[in-house]
Amino acid sequence: DTAIPSVFSVSENYPNPFNPRTRFTLSLPERSNIVVNIYDILGRQVALLAEGDYNAGRYRMEWAGMTDMNAAAPSGVYLLVVQAGNHVFKHKMIMMK
């Protein structure tokens, strides 16, 4: 799909619950500086998935259940937080091992 999205959106992650991988799609209607983070339920950053300037378009992203320290994240509830310009998206994800 090469069409430029008309609105900012982030799909639900799939699968959810997951073990250990989950995927989602980020749709950007215009060039944006984005930050995609995973946080644990206590609000601690677990993983930085993406950061930087992205052109308008659709981006498939995946979290493989690993922390930034290259360790397997434990089972639990996580928050996917996507910031793109003035947009912020938050979604709860559950990892079950």
PDB file of N, CA and C in Angstrom:
ATOM      1  N   ASP A   1       0.854  -1.190   0.000  1.00  0.00           N
ATOM      2  CA  ASP A   1       0.000   0.000   0.000  1.00  0.00           C
ATOM      3  C   ASP A   1       0.887   1.234   0.000  1.00  0.00           C
ATOM      4  N   THR A   2       0.893   1.993  -1.093  1.00  0.00           N
ATOM      5  CA  THR A   2       1.757   3.163  -1.201  1.00  0.00           C
ATOM      6  C   THR A   2       1.004   4.468  -0.979  1.00  0.00           C
ATOM      7  N   ALA A   3      -0.304   4.400  -0.716  1.00  0.00           N
ATOM      8  CA  ALA A   3      -1.092   5.605  -0.472  1.00  0.00           C
ATOM      9  C   ALA A   3      -0.674   6.243   0.850  1.00  0.00           C
ATOM     10  N   ILE A   4      -0.612   7.578   0.859  1.00  0.00           N
ATOM     11  CA  ILE A   4      -0.283   8.311   2.078  1.00  0.00           C
ATOM     12  C   ILE A   4      -1.526   8.337   2.970  1.00  0.00           C
ATOM     13  N   PRO A   5      -1.397   7.963   4.251  1.00  0.00           N
ATOM     14  CA  PRO A   5      -2.558   7.994   5.149  1.00  0.00           C
ATOM     15  C   PRO A   5      -3.091   9.415   5.302  1.00  0.00           C
ATOM     16  N   SER A   6      -4.388   9.547   5.529  1.00  0.00           N
ATOM     17  CA  SER A   6      -4.986  10.880   5.684  1.00  0.00           C
ATOM     18  C   SER A   6      -5.004  11.334   7.140  1.00  0.00           C
ATOM     19  N   VAL A   7      -4.856  10.396   8.093  1.00  0.00           N
ATOM     20  CA  VAL A   7      -4.848  10.738   9.510  1.00  0.00           C
ATOM     21  C   VAL A   7      -3.773   9.928  10.235  1.00  0.00           C
ATOM     22  N   PHE A   8      -3.321  10.471  11.358  1.00  0.00           N
ATOM     23  CA  PHE A   8      -2.395   9.758  12.233  1.00  0.00           C
ATOM     24  C   PHE A   8      -3.146   8.621  12.911  1.00  0.00           C
ATOM     25  N   SER A   9      -2.564   7.444  12.933  1.00  0.00           N
ATOM     26  CA  SER A   9      -3.170   6.331  13.671  1.00  0.00           C
ATOM     27  C   SER A   9      -2.113   5.291  14.009  1.00  0.00           C
ATOM     28  N   VAL A  10      -2.432   4.521  15.034  1.00  0.00           N
ATOM     29  CA  VAL A  10      -1.615   3.374  15.432  1.00  0.00           C
ATOM     30  C   VAL A  10      -2.577   2.213  15.589  1.00  0.00           C
ATOM     31  N   SER A  11      -2.297   1.112  14.924  1.00  0.00           N
ATOM     32  CA  SER A  11      -3.181  -0.052  15.024  1.00  0.00           C
ATOM     33  C   SER A  11      -3.031  -0.707  16.391  1.00  0.00           C
ATOM     34  N   GLU A  12      -4.001  -1.534  16.744  1.00  0.00           N
ATOM     35  CA  GLU A  12      -3.869  -2.373  17.928  1.00  0.00           C
ATOM     36  C   GLU A  12      -2.695  -3.321  17.683  1.00  0.00           C
ATOM     37  N   ASN A  13      -1.988  -3.655  18.749  1.00  0.00           N
ATOM     38  CA  ASN A  13      -0.922  -4.631  18.551  1.00  0.00           C
ATOM     39  C   ASN A  13      -1.538  -6.017  18.382  1.00  0.00           C
ATOM     40  N   TYR A  14      -0.856  -6.852  17.622  1.00  0.00           N
ATOM     41  CA  TYR A  14      -1.348  -8.198  17.363  1.00  0.00           C
ATOM     42  C   TYR A  14      -0.168  -9.158  17.402  1.00  0.00           C
ATOM     43  N   PRO A  15      -0.241 -10.247  18.063  1.00  0.00           N
ATOM     44  CA  PRO A  15      -1.338 -10.641  18.938  1.00  0.00           C
ATOM     45  C   PRO A  15      -1.257  -9.908  20.281  1.00  0.00           C
ATOM     46  N   ASN A  16      -2.332  -9.933  21.005  1.00  0.00           N
ATOM     47  CA  ASN A  16      -2.393  -9.363  22.347  1.00  0.00           C
ATOM     48  C   ASN A  16      -3.413 -10.155  23.140  1.00  0.00           C
ATOM     49  N   PRO A  17      -3.022 -10.937  24.111  1.00  0.00           N
ATOM     50  CA  PRO A  17      -1.699 -11.130  24.685  1.00  0.00           C
ATOM     51  C   PRO A  17      -0.724 -11.779  23.689  1.00  0.00           C
ATOM     52  N   PHE A  18       0.562 -11.614  23.990  1.00  0.00           N
ATOM     53  CA  PHE A  18       1.596 -12.096  23.080  1.00  0.00           C
ATOM     54  C   PHE A  18       2.695 -12.809  23.850  1.00  0.00           C
ATOM     55  N   ASN A  19       3.487 -13.589  23.095  1.00  0.00           N
ATOM     56  CA  ASN A  19       4.651 -14.273  23.655  1.00  0.00           C
ATOM     57  C   ASN A  19       5.556 -14.725  22.529  1.00  0.00           C
ATOM     58  N   PRO A  20       6.703 -14.189  22.331  1.00  0.00           N
ATOM     59  CA  PRO A  20       7.204 -12.961  22.921  1.00  0.00           C
ATOM     60  C   PRO A  20       7.096 -11.770  21.975  1.00  0.00           C
ATOM     61  N   ARG A  21       6.591 -11.980  20.736  1.00  0.00           N
ATOM     62  CA  ARG A  21       6.563 -10.900  19.737  1.00  0.00           C
ATOM     63  C   ARG A  21       5.156 -10.355  19.522  1.00  0.00           C
ATOM     64  N   THR A  22       5.096  -9.047  19.275  1.00  0.00           N
ATOM     65  CA  THR A  22       3.839  -8.412  18.895  1.00  0.00           C
ATOM     66  C   THR A  22       4.143  -7.341  17.853  1.00  0.00           C
ATOM     67  N   ARG A  23       3.162  -7.065  16.997  1.00  0.00           N
ATOM     68  CA  ARG A  23       3.350  -6.120  15.892  1.00  0.00           C
ATOM     69  C   ARG A  23       2.232  -5.087  15.890  1.00  0.00           C
ATOM     70  N   PHE A  24       2.520  -3.925  15.293  1.00  0.00           N
ATOM     71  CA  PHE A  24       1.524  -2.870  15.106  1.00  0.00           C
ATOM     72  C   PHE A  24       1.956  -2.015  13.927  1.00  0.00           C
ATOM     73  N   THR A  25       1.021  -1.210  13.424  1.00  0.00           N
ATOM     74  CA  THR A  25       1.294  -0.342  12.279  1.00  0.00           C
ATOM     75  C   THR A  25       1.085   1.112  12.685  1.00  0.00           C
ATOM     76  N   LEU A  26       2.030   1.947  12.314  1.00  0.00           N
ATOM     77  CA  LEU A  26       1.982   3.384  12.556  1.00  0.00           C
ATOM     78  C   LEU A  26       1.706   4.072  11.227  1.00  0.00           C
ATOM     79  N   SER A  27       0.657   4.919  11.182  1.00  0.00           N
ATOM     80  CA  SER A  27       0.302   5.649   9.956  1.00  0.00           C
ATOM     81  C   SER A  27       0.531   7.132  10.179  1.00  0.00           C
ATOM     82  N   LEU A  28       1.385   7.719   9.342  1.00  0.00           N
ATOM     83  CA  LEU A  28       1.717   9.139   9.443  1.00  0.00           C
ATOM     84  C   LEU A  28       1.238   9.880   8.198  1.00  0.00           C
ATOM     85  N   PRO A  29       0.366  10.889   8.361  1.00  0.00           N
ATOM     86  CA  PRO A  29      -0.108  11.633   7.202  1.00  0.00           C
ATOM     87  C   PRO A  29       0.905  12.664   6.700  1.00  0.00           C
ATOM     88  N   GLU A  30       1.904  12.983   7.526  1.00  0.00           N
ATOM     89  CA  GLU A  30       2.931  13.961   7.142  1.00  0.00           C
ATOM     90  C   GLU A  30       4.245  13.595   7.816  1.00  0.00           C
ATOM     91  N   ARG A  31       5.326  14.169   7.306  1.00  0.00           N
ATOM     92  CA  ARG A  31       6.634  13.923   7.916  1.00  0.00           C
ATOM     93  C   ARG A  31       6.566  14.333   9.381  1.00  0.00           C
ATOM     94  N   SER A  32       7.050  13.451  10.265  1.00  0.00           N
ATOM     95  CA  SER A  32       6.949  13.701  11.699  1.00  0.00           C
ATOM     96  C   SER A  32       8.184  13.181  12.418  1.00  0.00           C
ATOM     97  N   ASN A  33       8.495  13.823  13.526  1.00  0.00           N
ATOM     98  CA  ASN A  33       9.495  13.303  14.440  1.00  0.00           C
ATOM     99  C   ASN A  33       8.754  12.376  15.381  1.00  0.00           C
ATOM    100  N   ILE A  34       9.161  11.110  15.420  1.00  0.00           N
ATOM    101  CA  ILE A  34       8.438  10.142  16.244  1.00  0.00           C
ATOM    102  C   ILE A  34       9.338   9.558  17.319  1.00  0.00           C
ATOM    103  N   VAL A  35       8.695   9.127  18.396  1.00  0.00           N
ATOM    104  CA  VAL A  35       9.344   8.358  19.454  1.00  0.00           C
ATOM    105  C   VAL A  35       8.371   7.240  19.808  1.00  0.00           C
ATOM    106  N   VAL A  36       8.856   5.993  19.755  1.00  0.00           N
ATOM    107  CA  VAL A  36       8.034   4.829  20.089  1.00  0.00           C
ATOM    108  C   VAL A  36       8.711   4.110  21.250  1.00  0.00           C
ATOM    109  N   ASN A  37       8.034   4.093  22.397  1.00  0.00           N
ATOM    110  CA  ASN A  37       8.575   3.488  23.612  1.00  0.00           C
ATOM    111  C   ASN A  37       7.657   2.413  24.153  1.00  0.00           C
ATOM    112  N   ILE A  38       8.253   1.494  24.888  1.00  0.00           N
ATOM    113  CA  ILE A  38       7.519   0.512  25.675  1.00  0.00           C
ATOM    114  C   ILE A  38       7.846   0.799  27.137  1.00  0.00           C
ATOM    115  N   TYR A  39       6.789   0.880  27.969  1.00  0.00           N
ATOM    116  CA  TYR A  39       6.952   1.108  29.407  1.00  0.00           C
ATOM    117  C   TYR A  39       6.333  -0.048  30.175  1.00  0.00           C
ATOM    118  N   ASP A  40       6.887  -0.335  31.357  1.00  0.00           N
ATOM    119  CA  ASP A  40       6.235  -1.318  32.221  1.00  0.00           C
ATOM    120  C   ASP A  40       5.099  -0.636  32.970  1.00  0.00           C
ATOM    121  N   ILE A  41       4.341  -1.390  33.731  1.00  0.00           N
ATOM    122  CA  ILE A  41       3.152  -0.867  34.399  1.00  0.00           C
ATOM    123  C   ILE A  41       3.510   0.183  35.454  1.00  0.00           C
ATOM    124  N   LEU A  42       4.767   0.211  35.904  1.00  0.00           N
ATOM    125  CA  LEU A  42       5.209   1.205  36.873  1.00  0.00           C
ATOM    126  C   LEU A  42       5.711   2.487  36.206  1.00  0.00           C
ATOM    127  N   GLY A  43       5.673   2.523  34.877  1.00  0.00           N
ATOM    128  CA  GLY A  43       6.090   3.716  34.149  1.00  0.00           C
ATOM    129  C   GLY A  43       7.561   3.787  33.813  1.00  0.00           C
ATOM    130  N   ARG A  44       8.287   2.696  34.024  1.00  0.00           N
ATOM    131  CA  ARG A  44       9.709   2.662  33.678  1.00  0.00           C
ATOM    132  C   ARG A  44       9.878   2.281  32.211  1.00  0.00           C
ATOM    133  N   GLN A  45      10.746   3.007  31.506  1.00  0.00           N
ATOM    134  CA  GLN A  45      10.991   2.677  30.102  1.00  0.00           C
ATOM    135  C   GLN A  45      11.683   1.329  30.006  1.00  0.00           C
ATOM    136  N   VAL A  46      11.122   0.453  29.166  1.00  0.00           N
ATOM    137  CA  VAL A  46      11.662  -0.886  28.966  1.00  0.00           C
ATOM    138  C   VAL A  46      12.430  -0.957  27.652  1.00  0.00           C
ATOM    139  N   ALA A  47      11.869  -0.346  26.594  1.00  0.00           N
ATOM    140  CA  ALA A  47      12.492  -0.423  25.273  1.00  0.00           C
ATOM    141  C   ALA A  47      12.146   0.806  24.441  1.00  0.00           C
ATOM    142  N   LEU A  48      13.110   1.275  23.701  1.00  0.00           N
ATOM    143  CA  LEU A  48      12.913   2.325  22.702  1.00  0.00           C
ATOM    144  C   LEU A  48      12.907   1.627  21.345  1.00  0.00           C
ATOM    145  N   LEU A  49      11.744   1.649  20.664  1.00  0.00           N
ATOM    146  CA  LEU A  49      11.618   0.936  19.383  1.00  0.00           C
ATOM    147  C   LEU A  49      11.998   1.797  18.194  1.00  0.00           C
ATOM    148  N   ALA A  50      11.705   3.099  18.267  1.00  0.00           N
ATOM    149  CA  ALA A  50      12.002   3.982  17.130  1.00  0.00           C
ATOM    150  C   ALA A  50      12.105   5.413  17.624  1.00  0.00           C
ATOM    151  N   GLU A  51      12.964   6.177  16.957  1.00  0.00           N
ATOM    152  CA  GLU A  51      13.110   7.587  17.279  1.00  0.00           C
ATOM    153  C   GLU A  51      13.712   8.287  16.064  1.00  0.00           C
ATOM    154  N   GLY A  52      13.139   9.436  15.706  1.00  0.00           N
ATOM    155  CA  GLY A  52      13.696  10.201  14.602  1.00  0.00           C
ATOM    156  C   GLY A  52      12.627  10.721  13.667  1.00  0.00           C
ATOM    157  N   ASP A  53      13.075  11.320  12.567  1.00  0.00           N
ATOM    158  CA  ASP A  53      12.172  11.866  11.560  1.00  0.00           C
ATOM    159  C   ASP A  53      11.760  10.766  10.590  1.00  0.00           C
ATOM    160  N   TYR A  54      10.464  10.621  10.396  1.00  0.00           N
ATOM    161  CA  TYR A  54       9.906   9.632   9.478  1.00  0.00           C
ATOM    162  C   TYR A  54       9.045  10.348   8.447  1.00  0.00           C
ATOM    163  N   ASN A  55       9.173   9.949   7.189  1.00  0.00           N
ATOM    164  CA  ASN A  55       8.334  10.505   6.127  1.00  0.00           C
ATOM    165  C   ASN A  55       6.895  10.018   6.279  1.00  0.00           C
ATOM    166  N   ALA A  56       5.968  10.709   5.645  1.00  0.00           N
ATOM    167  CA  ALA A  56       4.571  10.274   5.632  1.00  0.00           C
ATOM    168  C   ALA A  56       4.503   8.857   5.056  1.00  0.00           C
ATOM    169  N   GLY A  57       3.631   8.047   5.641  1.00  0.00           N
ATOM    170  CA  GLY A  57       3.472   6.672   5.161  1.00  0.00           C
ATOM    171  C   GLY A  57       3.067   5.752   6.283  1.00  0.00           C
ATOM    172  N   ARG A  58       3.099   4.450   5.985  1.00  0.00           N
ATOM    173  CA  ARG A  58       2.755   3.420   6.964  1.00  0.00           C
ATOM    174  C   ARG A  58       4.022   2.647   7.323  1.00  0.00           C
ATOM    175  N   TYR A  59       4.170   2.376   8.613  1.00  0.00           N
ATOM    176  CA  TYR A  59       5.345   1.677   9.107  1.00  0.00           C
ATOM    177  C   TYR A  59       4.901   0.511   9.988  1.00  0.00           C
ATOM    178  N   ARG A  60       5.347  -0.684   9.634  1.00  0.00           N
ATOM    179  CA  ARG A  60       5.078  -1.862  10.468  1.00  0.00           C
ATOM    180  C   ARG A  60       6.206  -1.973  11.475  1.00  0.00           C
ATOM    181  N   MET A  61       5.825  -2.090  12.739  1.00  0.00           N
ATOM    182  CA  MET A  61       6.812  -2.174  13.809  1.00  0.00           C
ATOM    183  C   MET A  61       6.552  -3.420  14.635  1.00  0.00           C
ATOM    184  N   GLU A  62       7.605  -3.871  15.293  1.00  0.00           N
ATOM    185  CA  GLU A  62       7.514  -5.087  16.095  1.00  0.00           C
ATOM    186  C   GLU A  62       8.311  -4.903  17.374  1.00  0.00           C
ATOM    187  N   TRP A  63       7.760  -5.435  18.469  1.00  0.00           N
ATOM    188  CA  TRP A  63       8.532  -5.545  19.704  1.00  0.00           C
ATOM    189  C   TRP A  63       8.734  -7.021  19.960  1.00  0.00           C
ATOM    190  N   ALA A  64       9.982  -7.417  20.105  1.00  0.00           N
ATOM    191  CA  ALA A  64      10.331  -8.825  20.285  1.00  0.00           C
ATOM    192  C   ALA A  64      10.400  -9.219  21.754  1.00  0.00           C
ATOM    193  N   GLY A  65       9.860  -8.386  22.651  1.00  0.00           N
ATOM    194  CA  GLY A  65       9.840  -8.730  24.065  1.00  0.00           C
ATOM    195  C   GLY A  65      11.186  -8.595  24.752  1.00  0.00           C
ATOM    196  N   MET A  66      12.071  -7.790  24.168  1.00  0.00           N
ATOM    197  CA  MET A  66      13.397  -7.583  24.736  1.00  0.00           C
ATOM    198  C   MET A  66      13.512  -6.168  25.289  1.00  0.00           C
ATOM    199  N   THR A  67      14.282  -6.019  26.368  1.00  0.00           N
ATOM    200  CA  THR A  67      14.529  -4.701  26.936  1.00  0.00           C
ATOM    201  C   THR A  67      15.671  -4.029  26.184  1.00  0.00           C
ATOM    202  N   ASP A  68      15.882  -2.740  26.480  1.00  0.00           N
ATOM    203  CA  ASP A  68      17.016  -2.024  25.891  1.00  0.00           C
ATOM    204  C   ASP A  68      18.353  -2.602  26.353  1.00  0.00           C
ATOM    205  N   MET A  69      18.341  -3.356  27.451  1.00  0.00           N
ATOM    206  CA  MET A  69      19.557  -3.986  27.983  1.00  0.00           C
ATOM    207  C   MET A  69      19.764  -5.378  27.382  1.00  0.00           C
ATOM    208  N   ASN A  70      18.975  -5.704  26.335  1.00  0.00           N
ATOM    209  CA  ASN A  70      19.057  -6.976  25.613  1.00  0.00           C
ATOM    210  C   ASN A  70      18.724  -8.183  26.500  1.00  0.00           C
ATOM    211  N   ALA A  71      17.775  -7.979  27.412  1.00  0.00           N
ATOM    212  CA  ALA A  71      17.283  -9.069  28.255  1.00  0.00           C
ATOM    213  C   ALA A  71      15.818  -9.317  27.932  1.00  0.00           C
ATOM    214  N   ALA A  72      15.368 -10.531  28.117  1.00  0.00           N
ATOM    215  CA  ALA A  72      13.956 -10.846  27.884  1.00  0.00           C
ATOM    216  C   ALA A  72      13.104 -10.163  28.944  1.00  0.00           C
ATOM    217  N   ALA A  73      12.078  -9.447  28.513  1.00  0.00           N
ATOM    218  CA  ALA A  73      11.154  -8.790  29.445  1.00  0.00           C
ATOM    219  C   ALA A  73      10.284  -9.865  30.101  1.00  0.00           C
ATOM    220  N   PRO A  74       9.948  -9.677  31.384  1.00  0.00           N
ATOM    221  CA  PRO A  74       9.115 -10.666  32.058  1.00  0.00           C
ATOM    222  C   PRO A  74       7.647 -10.553  31.637  1.00  0.00           C
ATOM    223  N   SER A  75       6.878 -11.566  31.955  1.00  0.00           N
ATOM    224  CA  SER A  75       5.434 -11.506  31.738  1.00  0.00           C
ATOM    225  C   SER A  75       4.882 -10.300  32.474  1.00  0.00           C
ATOM    226  N   GLY A  76       3.823  -9.702  31.914  1.00  0.00           N
ATOM    227  CA  GLY A  76       3.207  -8.574  32.591  1.00  0.00           C
ATOM    228  C   GLY A  76       2.497  -7.649  31.631  1.00  0.00           C
ATOM    229  N   VAL A  77       2.054  -6.517  32.182  1.00  0.00           N
ATOM    230  CA  VAL A  77       1.358  -5.495  31.415  1.00  0.00           C
ATOM    231  C   VAL A  77       2.360  -4.422  31.003  1.00  0.00           C
ATOM    232  N   TYR A  78       2.305  -4.035  29.740  1.00  0.00           N
ATOM    233  CA  TYR A  78       3.196  -3.018  29.192  1.00  0.00           C
ATOM    234  C   TYR A  78       2.366  -1.957  28.483  1.00  0.00           C
ATOM    235  N   LEU A  79       2.935  -0.769  28.364  1.00  0.00           N
ATOM    236  CA  LEU A  79       2.283   0.317  27.642  1.00  0.00           C
ATOM    237  C   LEU A  79       3.105   0.663  26.413  1.00  0.00           C
ATOM    238  N   LEU A  80       2.452   0.657  25.267  1.00  0.00           N
ATOM    239  CA  LEU A  80       3.031   1.146  24.025  1.00  0.00           C
ATOM    240  C   LEU A  80       2.684   2.630  23.959  1.00  0.00           C
ATOM    241  N   VAL A  81       3.695   3.497  23.850  1.00  0.00           N
ATOM    242  CA  VAL A  81       3.475   4.939  23.756  1.00  0.00           C
ATOM    243  C   VAL A  81       4.145   5.442  22.483  1.00  0.00           C
ATOM    244  N   VAL A  82       3.327   6.017  21.595  1.00  0.00           N
ATOM    245  CA  VAL A  82       3.821   6.565  20.334  1.00  0.00           C
ATOM    246  C   VAL A  82       3.585   8.070  20.346  1.00  0.00           C
ATOM    247  N   GLN A  83       4.656   8.837  20.163  1.00  0.00           N
ATOM    248  CA  GLN A  83       4.563  10.288  20.040  1.00  0.00           C
ATOM    249  C   GLN A  83       4.994  10.647  18.628  1.00  0.00           C
ATOM    250  N   ALA A  84       4.144  11.423  17.951  1.00  0.00           N
ATOM    251  CA  ALA A  84       4.447  11.875  16.589  1.00  0.00           C
ATOM    252  C   ALA A  84       3.944  13.311  16.470  1.00  0.00           C
ATOM    253  N   GLY A  85       4.863  14.279  16.503  1.00  0.00           N
ATOM    254  CA  GLY A  85       4.442  15.676  16.490  1.00  0.00           C
ATOM    255  C   GLY A  85       3.593  15.958  17.721  1.00  0.00           C
ATOM    256  N   ASN A  86       2.382  16.480  17.513  1.00  0.00           N
ATOM    257  CA  ASN A  86       1.468  16.791  18.611  1.00  0.00           C
ATOM    258  C   ASN A  86       0.599  15.603  19.018  1.00  0.00           C
ATOM    259  N   HIS A  87       0.741  14.485  18.349  1.00  0.00           N
ATOM    260  CA  HIS A  87      -0.077  13.301  18.622  1.00  0.00           C
ATOM    261  C   HIS A  87       0.617  12.393  19.632  1.00  0.00           C
ATOM    262  N   VAL A  88      -0.184  11.843  20.539  1.00  0.00           N
ATOM    263  CA  VAL A  88       0.305  10.841  21.491  1.00  0.00           C
ATOM    264  C   VAL A  88      -0.707   9.703  21.516  1.00  0.00           C
ATOM    265  N   PHE A  89      -0.217   8.487  21.381  1.00  0.00           N
ATOM    266  CA  PHE A  89      -1.057   7.296  21.394  1.00  0.00           C
ATOM    267  C   PHE A  89      -0.535   6.383  22.498  1.00  0.00           C
ATOM    268  N   LYS A  90      -1.437   5.844  23.319  1.00  0.00           N
ATOM    269  CA  LYS A  90      -1.065   4.900  24.373  1.00  0.00           C
ATOM    270  C   LYS A  90      -1.958   3.678  24.278  1.00  0.00           C
ATOM    271  N   HIS A  91      -1.345   2.518  24.455  1.00  0.00           N
ATOM    272  CA  HIS A  91      -2.107   1.272  24.365  1.00  0.00           C
ATOM    273  C   HIS A  91      -1.517   0.244  25.322  1.00  0.00           C
ATOM    274  N   LYS A  92      -2.385  -0.500  26.015  1.00  0.00           N
ATOM    275  CA  LYS A  92      -1.967  -1.543  26.946  1.00  0.00           C
ATOM    276  C   LYS A  92      -1.733  -2.848  26.192  1.00  0.00           C
ATOM    277  N   MET A  93      -0.616  -3.503  26.522  1.00  0.00           N
ATOM    278  CA  MET A  93      -0.269  -4.785  25.929  1.00  0.00           C
ATOM    279  C   MET A  93       0.041  -5.773  27.052  1.00  0.00           C
ATOM    280  N   ILE A  94      -0.230  -7.048  26.815  1.00  0.00           N
ATOM    281  CA  ILE A  94       0.008  -8.059  27.832  1.00  0.00           C
ATOM    282  C   ILE A  94       0.918  -9.144  27.280  1.00  0.00           C
ATOM    283  N   MET A  95       2.053  -9.348  27.972  1.00  0.00           N
ATOM    284  CA  MET A  95       2.945 -10.442  27.603  1.00  0.00           C
ATOM    285  C   MET A  95       2.693 -11.585  28.574  1.00  0.00           C
ATOM    286  N   MET A  96       2.387 -12.745  28.006  1.00  0.00           N
ATOM    287  CA  MET A  96       2.137 -13.949  28.817  1.00  0.00           C
ATOM    288  C   MET A  96       3.107 -15.038  28.366  1.00  0.00           C
ATOM    289  N   LYS A  97       3.926 -15.488  29.286  1.00  0.00           N
ATOM    290  CA  LYS A  97       4.881 -16.556  28.961  1.00  0.00           C
ATOM    291  C   LYS A  97       4.398 -17.874  29.496  1.00  0.00           C
TER     292      LYS A  97
END
